PDB file of all heavy atoms in Angstrom:
ATOM      1  N   GLU A   1     234.963 133.124  46.911  1.00  0.00           N
ATOM      2  CA  GLU A   1     235.442 132.337  45.786  1.00  0.00           C
ATOM      3  C   GLU A   1     235.010 133.007  44.481  1.00  0.00           C
ATOM      4  O   GLU A   1     233.815 133.244  44.262  1.00  0.00           O
ATOM      5  CB  GLU A   1     234.873 130.926  45.846  1.00  0.00           C
ATOM      6  CG  GLU A   1     235.413 129.973  44.796  1.00  0.00           C
ATOM      7  CD  GLU A   1     236.832 129.530  45.087  1.00  0.00           C
ATOM      8  OE1 GLU A   1     237.278 129.669  46.255  1.00  0.00           O
ATOM      9  OE2 GLU A   1     237.498 129.046  44.154  1.00  0.00           O
ATOM     10  N   PRO A   2     235.938 133.372  43.597  1.00  0.00           N
ATOM     11  CA  PRO A   2     235.554 134.038  42.348  1.00  0.00           C
ATOM     12  C   PRO A   2     234.701 133.126  41.468  1.00  0.00           C
ATOM     13  O   PRO A   2     234.881 131.910  41.460  1.00  0.00           O
ATOM     14  CB  PRO A   2     236.899 134.347  41.684  1.00  0.00           C
ATOM     15  CG  PRO A   2     237.922 134.227  42.753  1.00  0.00           C
ATOM     16  CD  PRO A   2     237.396 133.212  43.721  1.00  0.00           C
ATOM     17  N   PHE A   3     233.793 133.722  40.747  1.00  0.00           N
ATOM     18  CA  PHE A   3     233.013 132.993  39.760  1.00  0.00           C
ATOM     19  C   PHE A   3     233.941 132.516  38.652  1.00  0.00           C
ATOM     20  O   PHE A   3     234.860 133.236  38.241  1.00  0.00           O
ATOM     21  CB  PHE A   3     231.925 133.908  39.191  1.00  0.00           C
ATOM     22  CG  PHE A   3     231.029 133.261  38.180  1.00  0.00           C
ATOM     23  CD1 PHE A   3     229.954 132.496  38.587  1.00  0.00           C
ATOM     24  CD2 PHE A   3     231.264 133.415  36.824  1.00  0.00           C
ATOM     25  CE1 PHE A   3     229.122 131.889  37.650  1.00  0.00           C
ATOM     26  CE2 PHE A   3     230.441 132.833  35.884  1.00  0.00           C
ATOM     27  CZ  PHE A   3     229.361 132.061  36.310  1.00  0.00           C
ATOM     28  N   ASP A   4     233.754 131.315  38.162  1.00  0.00           N
ATOM     29  CA  ASP A   4     234.599 130.740  37.116  1.00  0.00           C
ATOM     30  C   ASP A   4     233.814 130.692  35.813  1.00  0.00           C
ATOM     31  O   ASP A   4     232.891 129.888  35.656  1.00  0.00           O
ATOM     32  CB  ASP A   4     235.047 129.336  37.526  1.00  0.00           C
ATOM     33  CG  ASP A   4     236.085 128.746  36.570  1.00  0.00           C
ATOM     34  OD1 ASP A   4     236.237 129.277  35.450  1.00  0.00           O
ATOM     35  OD2 ASP A   4     236.736 127.752  36.951  1.00  0.00           O
ATOM     36  N   ILE A   5     234.186 131.547  34.865  1.00  0.00           N
ATOM     37  CA  ILE A   5     233.427 131.634  33.616  1.00  0.00           C
ATOM     38  C   ILE A   5     233.615 130.401  32.743  1.00  0.00           C
ATOM     39  O   ILE A   5     232.857 130.199  31.792  1.00  0.00           O
ATOM     40  CB  ILE A   5     233.791 132.896  32.818  1.00  0.00           C
ATOM     41  CG1 ILE A   5     235.250 132.828  32.325  1.00  0.00           C
ATOM     42  CG2 ILE A   5     233.557 134.146  33.629  1.00  0.00           C
ATOM     43  CD1 ILE A   5     235.608 133.919  31.336  1.00  0.00           C
ATOM     44  N   THR A   6     234.620 129.571  33.033  1.00  0.00           N
ATOM     45  CA  THR A   6     234.844 128.360  32.235  1.00  0.00           C
ATOM     46  C   THR A   6     233.997 127.192  32.721  1.00  0.00           C
ATOM     47  O   THR A   6     233.966 126.144  32.062  1.00  0.00           O
ATOM     48  CB  THR A   6     236.326 127.952  32.255  1.00  0.00           C
ATOM     49  OG1 THR A   6     236.671 127.497  33.565  1.00  0.00           O
ATOM     50  CG2 THR A   6     237.214 129.105  31.856  1.00  0.00           C
ATOM     51  N   ARG A   7     233.319 127.354  33.837  1.00  0.00           N
ATOM     52  CA  ARG A   7     232.556 126.233  34.391  1.00  0.00           C
ATOM     53  C   ARG A   7     231.060 126.504  34.488  1.00  0.00           C
ATOM     54  O   ARG A   7     230.281 125.595  34.756  1.00  0.00           O
ATOM     55  CB  ARG A   7     233.092 125.885  35.786  1.00  0.00           C
ATOM     56  CG  ARG A   7     234.592 125.652  35.806  1.00  0.00           C
ATOM     57  CD  ARG A   7     235.091 125.189  37.138  1.00  0.00           C
ATOM     58  NE  ARG A   7     234.814 123.770  37.351  1.00  0.00           N
ATOM     59  CZ  ARG A   7     235.242 123.080  38.410  1.00  0.00           C
ATOM     60  NH1 ARG A   7     235.945 123.695  39.352  1.00  0.00           N
ATOM     61  NH2 ARG A   7     234.969 121.802  38.534  1.00  0.00           N
ATOM     62  N   ALA A   8     230.664 127.744  34.308  1.00  0.00           N
ATOM     63  CA  ALA A   8     229.242 128.094  34.393  1.00  0.00           C
ATOM     64  C   ALA A   8     228.966 129.282  33.479  1.00  0.00           C
ATOM     65  O   ALA A   8     229.855 130.121  33.267  1.00  0.00           O
ATOM     66  CB  ALA A   8     228.861 128.427  35.835  1.00  0.00           C
ATOM     67  N   PRO A   9     227.766 129.366  32.914  1.00  0.00           N
ATOM     68  CA  PRO A   9     227.441 130.493  32.035  1.00  0.00           C
ATOM     69  C   PRO A   9     227.346 131.800  32.816  1.00  0.00           C
ATOM     70  O   PRO A   9     226.954 131.822  33.982  1.00  0.00           O
ATOM     71  CB  PRO A   9     226.084 130.093  31.441  1.00  0.00           C
ATOM     72  CG  PRO A   9     225.498 129.131  32.429  1.00  0.00           C
ATOM     73  CD  PRO A   9     226.654 128.392  33.021  1.00  0.00           C
ATOM     74  N   VAL A  10     227.723 132.874  32.167  1.00  0.00           N
ATOM     75  CA  VAL A  10     227.706 134.195  32.792  1.00  0.00           C
ATOM     76  C   VAL A  10     226.299 134.767  32.731  1.00  0.00           C
ATOM     77  O   VAL A  10     225.628 134.708  31.706  1.00  0.00           O
ATOM     78  CB  VAL A  10     228.690 135.142  32.067  1.00  0.00           C
ATOM     79  CG1 VAL A  10     228.579 136.556  32.620  1.00  0.00           C
ATOM     80  CG2 VAL A  10     230.112 134.624  32.198  1.00  0.00           C
ATOM     81  N   THR A  11     225.844 135.306  33.852  1.00  0.00           N
ATOM     82  CA  THR A  11     224.567 136.013  33.906  1.00  0.00           C
ATOM     83  C   THR A  11     224.826 137.451  34.341  1.00  0.00           C
ATOM     84  O   THR A  11     225.772 137.723  35.078  1.00  0.00           O
ATOM     85  CB  THR A  11     223.596 135.337  34.890  1.00  0.00           C
ATOM     86  OG1 THR A  11     224.202 135.281  36.204  1.00  0.00           O
ATOM     87  CG2 THR A  11     223.255 133.928  34.441  1.00  0.00           C
ATOM     88  N   PHE A  12     223.992 138.343  33.890  1.00  0.00           N
ATOM     89  CA  PHE A  12     224.189 139.766  34.157  1.00  0.00           C
ATOM     90  C   PHE A  12     223.214 140.272  35.211  1.00  0.00           C
ATOM     91  O   PHE A  12     222.092 139.775  35.308  1.00  0.00           O
ATOM     92  CB  PHE A  12     224.024 140.560  32.853  1.00  0.00           C
ATOM     93  CG  PHE A  12     225.059 140.209  31.822  1.00  0.00           C
ATOM     94  CD1 PHE A  12     224.787 139.253  30.847  1.00  0.00           C
ATOM     95  CD2 PHE A  12     226.308 140.804  31.841  1.00  0.00           C
ATOM     96  CE1 PHE A  12     225.742 138.908  29.899  1.00  0.00           C
ATOM     97  CE2 PHE A  12     227.269 140.468  30.900  1.00  0.00           C
ATOM     98  CZ  PHE A  12     226.992 139.523  29.928  1.00  0.00           C
ATOM     99  N   PRO A  13     223.665 141.287  35.998  1.00  0.00           N
ATOM    100  CA  PRO A  13     224.981 141.945  35.984  1.00  0.00           C
ATOM    101  C   PRO A  13     226.062 141.055  36.580  1.00  0.00           C
ATOM    102  O   PRO A  13     225.763 140.090  37.281  1.00  0.00           O
ATOM    103  CB  PRO A  13     224.743 143.187  36.842  1.00  0.00           C
ATOM    104  CG  PRO A  13     223.670 142.784  37.804  1.00  0.00           C
ATOM    105  CD  PRO A  13     222.765 141.862  37.036  1.00  0.00           C
ATOM    106  N   VAL A  14     227.328 141.394  36.300  1.00  0.00           N
ATOM    107  CA  VAL A  14     228.452 140.593  36.776  1.00  0.00           C
ATOM    108  C   VAL A  14     229.268 141.395  37.777  1.00  0.00           C
ATOM    109  O   VAL A  14     229.199 142.626  37.817  1.00  0.00           O
ATOM    110  CB  VAL A  14     229.359 140.147  35.613  1.00  0.00           C
ATOM    111  CG1 VAL A  14     228.581 139.319  34.606  1.00  0.00           C
ATOM    112  CG2 VAL A  14     230.007 141.349  34.931  1.00  0.00           C
ATOM    113  N   ASP A  15     230.070 140.681  38.581  1.00  0.00           N
ATOM    114  CA  ASP A  15     230.984 141.364  39.487  1.00  0.00           C
ATOM    115  C   ASP A  15     232.320 141.585  38.778  1.00  0.00           C
ATOM    116  O   ASP A  15     232.538 141.142  37.657  1.00  0.00           O
ATOM    117  CB  ASP A  15     231.161 140.584  40.790  1.00  0.00           C
ATOM    118  CG  ASP A  15     231.658 139.159  40.560  1.00  0.00           C
ATOM    119  OD1 ASP A  15     232.038 138.837  39.415  1.00  0.00           O
ATOM    120  OD2 ASP A  15     231.652 138.377  41.526  1.00  0.00           O
ATOM    121  N   ARG A  16     233.237 142.268  39.459  1.00  0.00           N
ATOM    122  CA  ARG A  16     234.508 142.628  38.814  1.00  0.00           C
ATOM    123  C   ARG A  16     235.346 141.411  38.441  1.00  0.00           C
ATOM    124  O   ARG A  16     235.924 141.385  37.345  1.00  0.00           O
ATOM    125  CB  ARG A  16     235.298 143.583  39.716  1.00  0.00           C
ATOM    126  CG  ARG A  16     236.495 144.224  39.000  1.00  0.00           C
ATOM    127  CD  ARG A  16     237.016 145.416  39.783  1.00  0.00           C
ATOM    128  NE  ARG A  16     238.025 146.132  39.032  1.00  0.00           N
ATOM    129  CZ  ARG A  16     239.328 146.108  39.315  1.00  0.00           C
ATOM    130  NH1 ARG A  16     239.758 145.390  40.342  1.00  0.00           N
ATOM    131  NH2 ARG A  16     240.199 146.793  38.598  1.00  0.00           N
ATOM    132  N   PRO A  17     235.496 140.393  39.305  1.00  0.00           N
ATOM    133  CA  PRO A  17     236.281 139.224  38.886  1.00  0.00           C
ATOM    134  C   PRO A  17     235.752 138.567  37.612  1.00  0.00           C
ATOM    135  O   PRO A  17     236.531 138.176  36.743  1.00  0.00           O
ATOM    136  CB  PRO A  17     236.176 138.283  40.095  1.00  0.00           C
ATOM    137  CG  PRO A  17     235.961 139.188  41.264  1.00  0.00           C
ATOM    138  CD  PRO A  17     235.107 140.292  40.723  1.00  0.00           C
ATOM    139  N   THR A  18     234.434 138.468  37.502  1.00  0.00           N
ATOM    140  CA  THR A  18     233.849 137.874  36.296  1.00  0.00           C
ATOM    141  C   THR A  18     234.125 138.745  35.085  1.00  0.00           C
ATOM    142  O   THR A  18     234.441 138.256  33.995  1.00  0.00           O
ATOM    143  CB  THR A  18     232.335 137.690  36.490  1.00  0.00           C
ATOM    144  OG1 THR A  18     232.098 136.908  37.659  1.00  0.00           O
ATOM    145  CG2 THR A  18     231.709 137.007  35.294  1.00  0.00           C
ATOM    146  N   ARG A  19     233.997 140.050  35.265  1.00  0.00           N
ATOM    147  CA  ARG A  19     234.249 140.977  34.164  1.00  0.00           C
ATOM    148  C   ARG A  19     235.708 140.873  33.692  1.00  0.00           C
ATOM    149  O   ARG A  19     235.975 140.804  32.489  1.00  0.00           O
ATOM    150  CB  ARG A  19     233.943 142.403  34.618  1.00  0.00           C
ATOM    151  CG  ARG A  19     234.135 143.452  33.544  1.00  0.00           C
ATOM    152  CD  ARG A  19     233.553 144.786  33.988  1.00  0.00           C
ATOM    153  NE  ARG A  19     234.271 145.357  35.105  1.00  0.00           N
ATOM    154  CZ  ARG A  19     233.702 145.800  36.217  1.00  0.00           C
ATOM    155  NH1 ARG A  19     232.404 145.698  36.401  1.00  0.00           N
ATOM    156  NH2 ARG A  19     234.427 146.347  37.175  1.00  0.00           N
ATOM    157  N   LEU A  20     236.639 140.832  34.630  1.00  0.00           N
ATOM    158  CA  LEU A  20     238.050 140.759  34.263  1.00  0.00           C
ATOM    159  C   LEU A  20     238.401 139.434  33.589  1.00  0.00           C
ATOM    160  O   LEU A  20     239.182 139.396  32.635  1.00  0.00           O
ATOM    161  CB  LEU A  20     238.920 140.963  35.502  1.00  0.00           C
ATOM    162  CG  LEU A  20     238.943 142.387  36.075  1.00  0.00           C
ATOM    163  CD1 LEU A  20     239.675 142.423  37.399  1.00  0.00           C
ATOM    164  CD2 LEU A  20     239.588 143.350  35.090  1.00  0.00           C
ATOM    165  N   GLN A  21     237.818 138.337  34.072  1.00  0.00           N
ATOM    166  CA  GLN A  21     238.051 137.036  33.426  1.00  0.00           C
ATOM    167  C   GLN A  21     237.590 137.060  31.977  1.00  0.00           C
ATOM    168  O   GLN A  21     238.282 136.578  31.072  1.00  0.00           O
ATOM    169  CB  GLN A  21     237.290 135.929  34.162  1.00  0.00           C
ATOM    170  CG  GLN A  21     237.853 135.509  35.496  1.00  0.00           C
ATOM    171  CD  GLN A  21     236.983 134.437  36.110  1.00  0.00           C
ATOM    172  OE1 GLN A  21     236.893 133.326  35.606  1.00  0.00           O
ATOM    173  NE2 GLN A  21     236.309 134.773  37.197  1.00  0.00           N
ATOM    174  N   THR A  22     236.409 137.607  31.760  1.00  0.00           N
ATOM    175  CA  THR A  22     235.836 137.624  30.419  1.00  0.00           C
ATOM    176  C   THR A  22     236.671 138.489  29.483  1.00  0.00           C
ATOM    177  O   THR A  22     236.941 138.108  28.332  1.00  0.00           O
ATOM    178  CB  THR A  22     234.385 138.139  30.466  1.00  0.00           C
ATOM    179  OG1 THR A  22     233.641 137.379  31.422  1.00  0.00           O
ATOM    180  CG2 THR A  22     233.726 138.020  29.110  1.00  0.00           C
ATOM    181  N   LEU A  23     237.097 139.650  29.970  1.00  0.00           N
ATOM    182  CA  LEU A  23     237.917 140.527  29.147  1.00  0.00           C
ATOM    183  C   LEU A  23     239.292 139.925  28.879  1.00  0.00           C
ATOM    184  O   LEU A  23     239.855 140.099  27.793  1.00  0.00           O
ATOM    185  CB  LEU A  23     238.081 141.893  29.830  1.00  0.00           C
ATOM    186  CG  LEU A  23     236.823 142.746  29.976  1.00  0.00           C
ATOM    187  CD1 LEU A  23     237.124 144.005  30.777  1.00  0.00           C
ATOM    188  CD2 LEU A  23     236.251 143.115  28.610  1.00  0.00           C
ATOM    189  N   ALA A  24     239.848 139.197  29.862  1.00  0.00           N
ATOM    190  CA  ALA A  24     241.195 138.648  29.721  1.00  0.00           C
ATOM    191  C   ALA A  24     241.285 137.665  28.564  1.00  0.00           C
ATOM    192  O   ALA A  24     242.331 137.552  27.928  1.00  0.00           O
ATOM    193  CB  ALA A  24     241.631 137.981  31.019  1.00  0.00           C
ATOM    194  N   ARG A  25     240.205 136.938  28.289  1.00  0.00           N
ATOM    195  CA  ARG A  25     240.258 136.006  27.156  1.00  0.00           C
ATOM    196  C   ARG A  25     239.395 136.480  25.989  1.00  0.00           C
ATOM    197  O   ARG A  25     239.103 135.730  25.072  1.00  0.00           O
ATOM    198  CB  ARG A  25     239.861 134.601  27.587  1.00  0.00           C
ATOM    199  CG  ARG A  25     238.414 134.367  27.909  1.00  0.00           C
ATOM    200  CD  ARG A  25     238.226 132.876  28.161  1.00  0.00           C
ATOM    201  NE  ARG A  25     236.822 132.482  28.140  1.00  0.00           N
ATOM    202  CZ  ARG A  25     236.407 131.222  28.132  1.00  0.00           C
ATOM    203  NH1 ARG A  25     237.286 130.250  28.155  1.00  0.00           N
ATOM    204  NH2 ARG A  25     235.130 130.932  28.103  1.00  0.00           N
ATOM    205  N   GLY A  26     239.034 137.768  26.016  1.00  0.00           N
ATOM    206  CA  GLY A  26     238.291 138.352  24.909  1.00  0.00           C
ATOM    207  C   GLY A  26     239.181 138.595  23.700  1.00  0.00           C
ATOM    208  O   GLY A  26     240.416 138.607  23.795  1.00  0.00           O
ATOM    209  N   ASP A  27     238.570 138.807  22.566  1.00  0.00           N
ATOM    210  CA  ASP A  27     239.299 139.009  21.324  1.00  0.00           C
ATOM    211  C   ASP A  27     240.058 140.327  21.351  1.00  0.00           C
ATOM    212  O   ASP A  27     239.498 141.380  21.676  1.00  0.00           O
ATOM    213  CB  ASP A  27     238.328 139.007  20.145  1.00  0.00           C
ATOM    214  CG  ASP A  27     239.034 139.170  18.824  1.00  0.00           C
ATOM    215  OD1 ASP A  27     239.641 138.202  18.357  1.00  0.00           O
ATOM    216  OD2 ASP A  27     238.997 140.291  18.271  1.00  0.00           O
ATOM    217  N   GLU A  28     241.338 140.271  21.003  1.00  0.00           N
ATOM    218  CA  GLU A  28     242.181 141.468  21.072  1.00  0.00           C
ATOM    219  C   GLU A  28     241.673 142.579  20.159  1.00  0.00           C
ATOM    220  O   GLU A  28     241.609 143.746  20.550  1.00  0.00           O
ATOM    221  CB  GLU A  28     243.620 141.109  20.698  1.00  0.00           C
ATOM    222  CG  GLU A  28     244.563 142.290  20.732  1.00  0.00           C
ATOM    223  CD  GLU A  28     245.993 141.915  20.390  1.00  0.00           C
ATOM    224  OE1 GLU A  28     246.484 140.903  20.931  1.00  0.00           O
ATOM    225  OE2 GLU A  28     246.613 142.629  19.582  1.00  0.00           O
ATOM    226  N   GLY A  29     241.316 142.234  18.925  1.00  0.00           N
ATOM    227  CA  GLY A  29     240.856 143.247  17.987  1.00  0.00           C
ATOM    228  C   GLY A  29     239.567 143.914  18.437  1.00  0.00           C
ATOM    229  O   GLY A  29     239.404 145.135  18.307  1.00  0.00           O
ATOM    230  N   TYR A  30     238.659 143.134  18.971  1.00  0.00           N
ATOM    231  CA  TYR A  30     237.382 143.665  19.462  1.00  0.00           C
ATOM    232  C   TYR A  30     237.615 144.636  20.612  1.00  0.00           C
ATOM    233  O   TYR A  30     237.071 145.752  20.628  1.00  0.00           O
ATOM    234  CB  TYR A  30     236.512 142.491  19.910  1.00  0.00           C
ATOM    235  CG  TYR A  30     235.194 142.843  20.552  1.00  0.00           C
ATOM    236  CD1 TYR A  30     234.060 143.055  19.787  1.00  0.00           C
ATOM    237  CD2 TYR A  30     235.079 142.939  21.934  1.00  0.00           C
ATOM    238  CE1 TYR A  30     232.838 143.354  20.375  1.00  0.00           C
ATOM    239  CE2 TYR A  30     233.870 143.238  22.534  1.00  0.00           C
ATOM    240  CZ  TYR A  30     232.759 143.441  21.759  1.00  0.00           C
ATOM    241  OH  TYR A  30     231.558 143.741  22.351  1.00  0.00           O
ATOM    242  N   LEU A  31     238.437 144.225  21.583  1.00  0.00           N
ATOM    243  CA  LEU A  31     238.705 145.092  22.733  1.00  0.00           C
ATOM    244  C   LEU A  31     239.489 146.329  22.308  1.00  0.00           C
ATOM    245  O   LEU A  31     239.298 147.416  22.869  1.00  0.00           O
ATOM    246  CB  LEU A  31     239.460 144.322  23.805  1.00  0.00           C
ATOM    247  CG  LEU A  31     238.690 143.174  24.471  1.00  0.00           C
ATOM    248  CD1 LEU A  31     239.560 142.479  25.501  1.00  0.00           C
ATOM    249  CD2 LEU A  31     237.411 143.683  25.127  1.00  0.00           C
ATOM    250  N   LEU A  32     240.379 146.168  21.336  1.00  0.00           N
ATOM    251  CA  LEU A  32     241.137 147.313  20.847  1.00  0.00           C
ATOM    252  C   LEU A  32     240.206 148.357  20.241  1.00  0.00           C
ATOM    253  O   LEU A  32     240.355 149.557  20.486  1.00  0.00           O
ATOM    254  CB  LEU A  32     242.157 146.841  19.808  1.00  0.00           C
ATOM    255  CG  LEU A  32     243.036 147.910  19.178  1.00  0.00           C
ATOM    256  CD1 LEU A  32     243.923 148.569  20.221  1.00  0.00           C
ATOM    257  CD2 LEU A  32     243.888 147.305  18.064  1.00  0.00           C
ATOM    258  N   ALA A  33     239.235 147.907  19.453  1.00  0.00           N
ATOM    259  CA  ALA A  33     238.290 148.849  18.843  1.00  0.00           C
ATOM    260  C   ALA A  33     237.456 149.551  19.903  1.00  0.00           C
ATOM    261  O   ALA A  33     237.241 150.775  19.840  1.00  0.00           O
ATOM    262  CB  ALA A  33     237.382 148.101  17.865  1.00  0.00           C
ATOM    263  N   LEU A  34     236.983 148.810  20.911  1.00  0.00           N
ATOM    264  CA  LEU A  34     236.198 149.439  21.970  1.00  0.00           C
ATOM    265  C   LEU A  34     237.055 150.395  22.795  1.00  0.00           C
ATOM    266  O   LEU A  34     236.608 151.487  23.164  1.00  0.00           O
ATOM    267  CB  LEU A  34     235.595 148.366  22.878  1.00  0.00           C
ATOM    268  CG  LEU A  34     234.424 147.585  22.314  1.00  0.00           C
ATOM    269  CD1 LEU A  34     234.014 146.466  23.276  1.00  0.00           C
ATOM    270  CD2 LEU A  34     233.220 148.496  22.055  1.00  0.00           C
ATOM    271  N   GLY A  35     238.295 149.978  23.104  1.00  0.00           N
ATOM    272  CA  GLY A  35     239.185 150.866  23.850  1.00  0.00           C
ATOM    273  C   GLY A  35     239.462 152.145  23.083  1.00  0.00           C
ATOM    274  O   GLY A  35     239.479 153.239  23.652  1.00  0.00           O
ATOM    275  N   TYR A  36     239.660 152.020  21.777  1.00  0.00           N
ATOM    276  CA  TYR A  36     239.883 153.187  20.925  1.00  0.00           C
ATOM    277  C   TYR A  36     238.664 154.104  20.938  1.00  0.00           C
ATOM    278  O   TYR A  36     238.787 155.333  20.971  1.00  0.00           O
ATOM    279  CB  TYR A  36     240.189 152.702  19.512  1.00  0.00           C
ATOM    280  CG  TYR A  36     240.368 153.781  18.466  1.00  0.00           C
ATOM    281  CD1 TYR A  36     241.152 154.902  18.710  1.00  0.00           C
ATOM    282  CD2 TYR A  36     239.760 153.662  17.223  1.00  0.00           C
ATOM    283  CE1 TYR A  36     241.318 155.884  17.736  1.00  0.00           C
ATOM    284  CE2 TYR A  36     239.927 154.622  16.241  1.00  0.00           C
ATOM    285  CZ  TYR A  36     240.707 155.736  16.502  1.00  0.00           C
ATOM    286  OH  TYR A  36     240.877 156.703  15.544  1.00  0.00           O
TER     287      TYR A  36
END
């Protein structure tokens, strides 16, 4: 069962599903700058 970031606080390190969830609702401008 994937970890649900909307129901519990994230602790590190994280697995890939948690990482993808967090990035999916991350700020576009912030991710754009990091990707650049």
